[in-house]
């Protein structure tokens, strides 16, 4: 038995505290490894600072590209790509992601 003879209830285990305003989620493509292949380090630091101005710049460029590909009109369902979610990003929309995507095969 895990409990001692004099214990009537299990011990209280501490739960981790999650500071939601300091939480960051990084999104990216995870390549499937071939059998026996090792994954190289990506050198992504979880402590890197989020650059709000740079993010806005990339969003504007992406909007211009999407509009250009759509005869100059930004599609109503356009959603900018987000690779980092944190307290400063627009988290009202679910990020777009690919689950179990299949790569192109064939010889070139």
N, C-alpha and C. Protein backbone atom coordinates (compact mmCIF):
# COMPACT_ATOMS: atom_id res chain seq x y z
N UNK A 1 0.84 -1.18 0.00
CA UNK A 1 0.00 0.00 0.00
C UNK A 1 0.89 1.25 0.00
N UNK A 2 0.47 2.28 -0.73
CA UNK A 2 1.22 3.52 -0.80
C UNK A 2 1.03 4.31 0.48
N UNK A 3 -0.16 4.26 1.05
CA UNK A 3 -0.45 5.02 2.26
C UNK A 3 0.14 4.34 3.49
N UNK A 4 0.63 5.15 4.41
CA UNK A 4 1.13 4.60 5.66
C UNK A 4 -0.02 4.15 6.55
N UNK A 5 0.30 3.48 7.62
CA UNK A 5 -0.75 2.94 8.49
C UNK A 5 -1.56 4.05 9.14
N UNK A 6 -0.93 5.20 9.43
CA UNK A 6 -1.63 6.28 10.13
C UNK A 6 -2.23 7.31 9.17
N UNK A 7 -2.07 7.12 7.86
CA UNK A 7 -2.60 8.10 6.90
C UNK A 7 -3.97 7.66 6.43
N UNK A 8 -4.92 8.61 6.46
CA UNK A 8 -6.28 8.29 6.03
C UNK A 8 -6.58 8.81 4.64
N UNK A 9 -5.76 9.70 4.13
CA UNK A 9 -5.98 10.22 2.78
C UNK A 9 -4.64 10.35 2.07
N UNK A 10 -4.65 10.36 0.75
CA UNK A 10 -3.39 10.45 0.01
C UNK A 10 -2.74 11.81 0.22
N UNK A 11 -1.43 11.90 0.01
CA UNK A 11 -0.74 13.18 0.19
C UNK A 11 -1.18 14.20 -0.85
N UNK A 12 -1.11 15.46 -0.50
CA UNK A 12 -1.47 16.53 -1.42
C UNK A 12 -0.28 16.79 -2.36
N UNK A 13 -0.51 16.63 -3.64
CA UNK A 13 0.53 16.84 -4.63
C UNK A 13 0.38 18.25 -5.21
N UNK A 14 1.48 18.99 -5.29
CA UNK A 14 1.37 20.35 -5.86
C UNK A 14 1.11 20.31 -7.36
N UNK A 15 0.30 21.22 -7.85
CA UNK A 15 0.03 21.35 -9.27
C UNK A 15 0.88 22.47 -9.84
N UNK A 16 1.34 22.33 -11.07
CA UNK A 16 2.16 23.41 -11.65
C UNK A 16 1.31 24.66 -11.86
N UNK A 17 1.92 25.81 -11.66
CA UNK A 17 1.26 27.09 -11.89
C UNK A 17 1.62 27.57 -13.30
N UNK A 18 0.60 27.86 -14.08
CA UNK A 18 0.84 28.32 -15.45
C UNK A 18 0.50 29.80 -15.52
N UNK A 19 1.50 30.60 -15.84
CA UNK A 19 1.32 32.03 -16.01
C UNK A 19 0.89 32.25 -17.47
N UNK A 20 -0.41 32.38 -17.70
CA UNK A 20 -0.92 32.42 -19.07
C UNK A 20 -0.40 33.62 -19.85
N UNK A 21 -0.16 34.75 -19.19
CA UNK A 21 0.31 35.92 -19.91
C UNK A 21 1.76 35.78 -20.36
N UNK A 22 2.50 34.84 -19.76
CA UNK A 22 3.90 34.62 -20.15
C UNK A 22 4.06 33.37 -21.01
N UNK A 23 2.96 32.70 -21.33
CA UNK A 23 3.02 31.47 -22.11
C UNK A 23 3.17 31.79 -23.59
N UNK A 24 4.07 31.07 -24.27
CA UNK A 24 4.27 31.22 -25.71
C UNK A 24 4.10 29.87 -26.38
N UNK A 25 3.45 29.87 -27.52
CA UNK A 25 3.30 28.66 -28.31
C UNK A 25 3.91 28.92 -29.68
N UNK A 26 4.90 28.11 -30.04
CA UNK A 26 5.55 28.25 -31.34
C UNK A 26 5.01 27.18 -32.28
N UNK A 27 4.59 27.62 -33.46
CA UNK A 27 4.05 26.71 -34.46
C UNK A 27 5.06 26.57 -35.59
N UNK A 28 5.19 25.37 -36.09
CA UNK A 28 6.13 25.17 -37.19
C UNK A 28 5.94 23.80 -37.79
N UNK A 29 6.56 23.62 -38.95
CA UNK A 29 6.47 22.35 -39.65
C UNK A 29 7.40 21.34 -39.01
N UNK A 30 6.86 20.21 -38.64
CA UNK A 30 7.70 19.15 -38.07
C UNK A 30 7.84 18.06 -39.12
N UNK A 31 9.04 17.93 -39.63
CA UNK A 31 9.29 16.96 -40.70
C UNK A 31 9.33 15.55 -40.13
N UNK A 32 8.71 14.62 -40.84
CA UNK A 32 8.78 13.22 -40.43
C UNK A 32 10.16 12.68 -40.75
N UNK A 33 10.77 12.04 -39.78
CA UNK A 33 12.12 11.52 -39.96
C UNK A 33 12.08 10.13 -40.57
N UNK A 34 13.06 9.85 -41.41
CA UNK A 34 13.21 8.50 -41.94
C UNK A 34 13.70 7.60 -40.82
N UNK A 35 13.52 6.32 -40.97
CA UNK A 35 13.93 5.38 -39.93
C UNK A 35 15.43 5.50 -39.66
N UNK A 36 15.79 5.74 -38.41
CA UNK A 36 17.18 5.86 -38.03
C UNK A 36 17.75 7.25 -38.19
N UNK A 37 16.98 8.16 -38.79
CA UNK A 37 17.48 9.53 -38.99
C UNK A 37 17.37 10.32 -37.70
N UNK A 38 18.35 11.15 -37.43
CA UNK A 38 18.35 11.97 -36.22
C UNK A 38 17.88 13.38 -36.55
N UNK A 39 17.18 14.01 -35.61
CA UNK A 39 16.69 15.36 -35.80
C UNK A 39 17.73 16.38 -35.37
N UNK A 40 18.07 17.28 -36.26
CA UNK A 40 19.05 18.33 -35.94
C UNK A 40 18.39 19.39 -35.06
N UNK A 41 19.18 20.03 -34.22
CA UNK A 41 18.68 21.10 -33.37
C UNK A 41 18.25 22.27 -34.25
N UNK A 42 17.15 22.92 -33.87
CA UNK A 42 16.63 24.02 -34.68
C UNK A 42 17.13 25.36 -34.19
N UNK A 43 17.77 25.40 -33.02
CA UNK A 43 18.31 26.64 -32.45
C UNK A 43 17.24 27.68 -32.21
N UNK A 44 16.04 27.25 -31.87
CA UNK A 44 14.97 28.18 -31.52
C UNK A 44 14.96 28.35 -30.02
N UNK A 45 15.10 29.57 -29.57
CA UNK A 45 15.11 29.84 -28.14
C UNK A 45 13.70 30.17 -27.66
N UNK A 46 13.25 29.51 -26.62
CA UNK A 46 11.93 29.80 -26.07
C UNK A 46 11.93 31.13 -25.33
N UNK A 47 13.11 31.70 -25.10
CA UNK A 47 13.22 32.98 -24.41
C UNK A 47 13.32 34.16 -25.38
N UNK A 48 13.23 33.87 -26.68
CA UNK A 48 13.37 34.96 -27.63
C UNK A 48 12.22 35.95 -27.48
N UNK A 49 12.53 37.21 -27.71
CA UNK A 49 11.53 38.26 -27.56
C UNK A 49 10.62 38.29 -28.78
N UNK A 50 9.35 38.57 -28.54
CA UNK A 50 8.39 38.70 -29.63
C UNK A 50 8.46 40.14 -30.14
N UNK A 51 8.73 40.30 -31.42
CA UNK A 51 8.87 41.62 -32.03
C UNK A 51 7.53 42.00 -32.67
N UNK A 52 6.76 42.85 -31.99
CA UNK A 52 5.44 43.24 -32.46
C UNK A 52 5.52 43.98 -33.79
N UNK A 53 6.48 44.89 -33.93
CA UNK A 53 6.59 45.67 -35.17
C UNK A 53 6.94 44.78 -36.36
N UNK A 54 7.85 43.84 -36.15
CA UNK A 54 8.22 42.92 -37.23
C UNK A 54 7.05 42.03 -37.62
N UNK A 55 6.27 41.60 -36.63
CA UNK A 55 5.11 40.77 -36.90
C UNK A 55 4.07 41.52 -37.73
N UNK A 56 3.85 42.80 -37.40
CA UNK A 56 2.90 43.62 -38.16
C UNK A 56 3.39 43.80 -39.60
N UNK A 57 4.71 44.01 -39.77
CA UNK A 57 5.28 44.18 -41.10
C UNK A 57 5.05 42.93 -41.95
N UNK A 58 5.31 41.75 -41.39
CA UNK A 58 5.11 40.51 -42.13
C UNK A 58 3.65 40.30 -42.46
N UNK A 59 2.76 40.67 -41.54
CA UNK A 59 1.32 40.54 -41.78
C UNK A 59 0.90 41.42 -42.94
N UNK A 60 1.41 42.66 -43.00
CA UNK A 60 1.07 43.58 -44.09
C UNK A 60 1.57 43.04 -45.43
N UNK A 61 2.79 42.49 -45.44
CA UNK A 61 3.33 41.91 -46.67
C UNK A 61 2.49 40.72 -47.12
N UNK A 62 2.07 39.91 -46.16
CA UNK A 62 1.26 38.74 -46.49
C UNK A 62 -0.11 39.17 -47.03
N UNK A 63 -0.69 40.23 -46.48
CA UNK A 63 -1.96 40.76 -46.98
C UNK A 63 -1.81 41.25 -48.42
N UNK A 64 -0.72 41.95 -48.70
CA UNK A 64 -0.49 42.45 -50.06
C UNK A 64 -0.34 41.30 -51.05
N UNK A 65 0.37 40.26 -50.64
CA UNK A 65 0.55 39.10 -51.50
C UNK A 65 -0.78 38.39 -51.77
N UNK A 66 -1.60 38.22 -50.71
CA UNK A 66 -2.89 37.54 -50.86
C UNK A 66 -3.82 38.36 -51.75
N UNK A 67 -3.80 39.68 -51.59
CA UNK A 67 -4.64 40.54 -52.42
C UNK A 67 -4.18 40.51 -53.87
N UNK A 68 -2.87 40.53 -54.08
CA UNK A 68 -2.32 40.49 -55.43
C UNK A 68 -2.71 39.21 -56.16
N UNK A 69 -2.72 38.11 -55.42
CA UNK A 69 -3.10 36.82 -56.02
C UNK A 69 -4.60 36.71 -56.23
N UNK A 70 -5.37 37.67 -55.69
CA UNK A 70 -6.83 37.63 -55.79
C UNK A 70 -7.36 38.88 -56.50
N UNK A 71 -6.71 39.26 -57.60
CA UNK A 71 -7.08 40.42 -58.41
C UNK A 71 -7.16 41.70 -57.59
N UNK A 72 -6.27 41.87 -56.62
CA UNK A 72 -6.19 43.11 -55.85
C UNK A 72 -7.15 43.20 -54.68
N UNK A 73 -7.92 42.15 -54.43
CA UNK A 73 -8.90 42.18 -53.33
C UNK A 73 -8.49 41.14 -52.28
N UNK A 74 -8.41 41.60 -51.04
CA UNK A 74 -8.05 40.67 -49.97
C UNK A 74 -9.23 39.73 -49.70
N UNK A 75 -9.03 38.42 -49.77
CA UNK A 75 -10.13 37.48 -49.52
C UNK A 75 -10.74 37.68 -48.14
N UNK A 76 -12.05 37.52 -48.04
CA UNK A 76 -12.73 37.74 -46.75
C UNK A 76 -12.30 36.73 -45.70
N UNK A 77 -11.87 35.56 -46.14
CA UNK A 77 -11.46 34.53 -45.18
C UNK A 77 -9.95 34.54 -44.92
N UNK A 78 -9.28 35.64 -45.33
CA UNK A 78 -7.83 35.72 -45.13
C UNK A 78 -7.49 35.72 -43.65
N UNK A 79 -6.50 34.92 -43.31
CA UNK A 79 -6.00 34.86 -41.93
C UNK A 79 -4.48 34.84 -42.00
N UNK A 80 -3.81 35.83 -41.40
CA UNK A 80 -2.35 35.86 -41.49
C UNK A 80 -1.71 34.67 -40.78
N UNK A 81 -0.57 34.27 -41.27
CA UNK A 81 0.17 33.17 -40.66
C UNK A 81 0.76 33.63 -39.33
N UNK A 82 0.59 32.81 -38.32
CA UNK A 82 1.19 33.11 -37.02
C UNK A 82 2.09 31.94 -36.63
N UNK A 83 3.35 32.24 -36.36
CA UNK A 83 4.26 31.17 -35.94
C UNK A 83 4.50 31.23 -34.44
N UNK A 84 4.01 32.28 -33.79
CA UNK A 84 4.15 32.41 -32.34
C UNK A 84 2.86 32.98 -31.78
N UNK A 85 2.31 32.32 -30.78
CA UNK A 85 1.13 32.82 -30.08
C UNK A 85 1.54 33.20 -28.67
N UNK A 86 1.19 34.42 -28.27
CA UNK A 86 1.49 34.85 -26.90
C UNK A 86 0.49 35.91 -26.48
N UNK A 87 0.77 36.61 -25.41
CA UNK A 87 -0.19 37.58 -24.87
C UNK A 87 -0.34 38.81 -25.76
N UNK A 88 0.58 39.01 -26.72
CA UNK A 88 0.51 40.18 -27.59
C UNK A 88 -0.08 39.89 -28.96
N UNK A 89 -0.36 38.63 -29.27
CA UNK A 89 -0.86 38.28 -30.59
C UNK A 89 -2.39 38.19 -30.56
N UNK A 90 -2.99 38.20 -31.76
CA UNK A 90 -4.43 38.04 -31.89
C UNK A 90 -4.77 36.56 -31.74
N UNK A 91 -5.29 36.20 -30.59
CA UNK A 91 -5.58 34.79 -30.30
C UNK A 91 -7.06 34.46 -30.39
N UNK A 92 -7.83 35.34 -31.06
CA UNK A 92 -9.26 35.09 -31.21
C UNK A 92 -9.55 34.03 -32.26
N UNK A 93 -8.62 33.87 -33.22
CA UNK A 93 -8.80 32.89 -34.28
C UNK A 93 -7.90 31.69 -34.02
N UNK A 94 -8.40 30.52 -34.35
CA UNK A 94 -7.57 29.33 -34.24
C UNK A 94 -6.52 29.35 -35.33
N UNK A 95 -5.25 29.08 -35.01
CA UNK A 95 -4.21 29.10 -36.05
C UNK A 95 -4.42 27.97 -37.04
N UNK A 96 -4.02 28.21 -38.29
CA UNK A 96 -4.12 27.20 -39.33
C UNK A 96 -2.96 26.23 -39.18
N UNK A 97 -3.23 24.95 -39.30
CA UNK A 97 -2.18 23.95 -39.17
C UNK A 97 -2.51 22.76 -40.06
N UNK A 98 -1.49 22.00 -40.42
CA UNK A 98 -1.67 20.80 -41.22
C UNK A 98 -1.38 19.60 -40.34
N UNK A 99 -2.30 18.66 -40.32
CA UNK A 99 -2.12 17.46 -39.52
C UNK A 99 -1.83 16.29 -40.45
N UNK A 100 -0.71 15.63 -40.19
CA UNK A 100 -0.30 14.47 -40.97
C UNK A 100 -0.32 14.75 -42.47
N UNK A 101 0.29 15.88 -42.84
CA UNK A 101 0.38 16.22 -44.26
C UNK A 101 1.31 15.27 -44.98
N UNK A 102 1.01 14.98 -46.22
CA UNK A 102 1.84 14.07 -47.00
C UNK A 102 2.70 14.88 -47.93
N UNK A 103 3.98 14.58 -47.96
CA UNK A 103 4.92 15.28 -48.84
C UNK A 103 4.76 14.76 -50.26
N UNK A 104 5.27 15.51 -51.21
CA UNK A 104 5.22 15.08 -52.59
C UNK A 104 6.28 14.01 -52.82
N UNK A 105 5.90 13.02 -53.56
CA UNK A 105 6.85 11.95 -53.85
C UNK A 105 7.11 11.91 -55.35
N UNK A 106 8.09 11.20 -55.73
CA UNK A 106 8.42 11.08 -57.13
C UNK A 106 9.83 11.54 -57.40
N UNK A 107 10.35 11.23 -58.54
CA UNK A 107 11.71 11.63 -58.87
C UNK A 107 11.68 12.85 -59.76
N UNK A 108 12.64 13.75 -59.57
CA UNK A 108 12.75 14.96 -60.38
C UNK A 108 14.10 15.01 -61.04
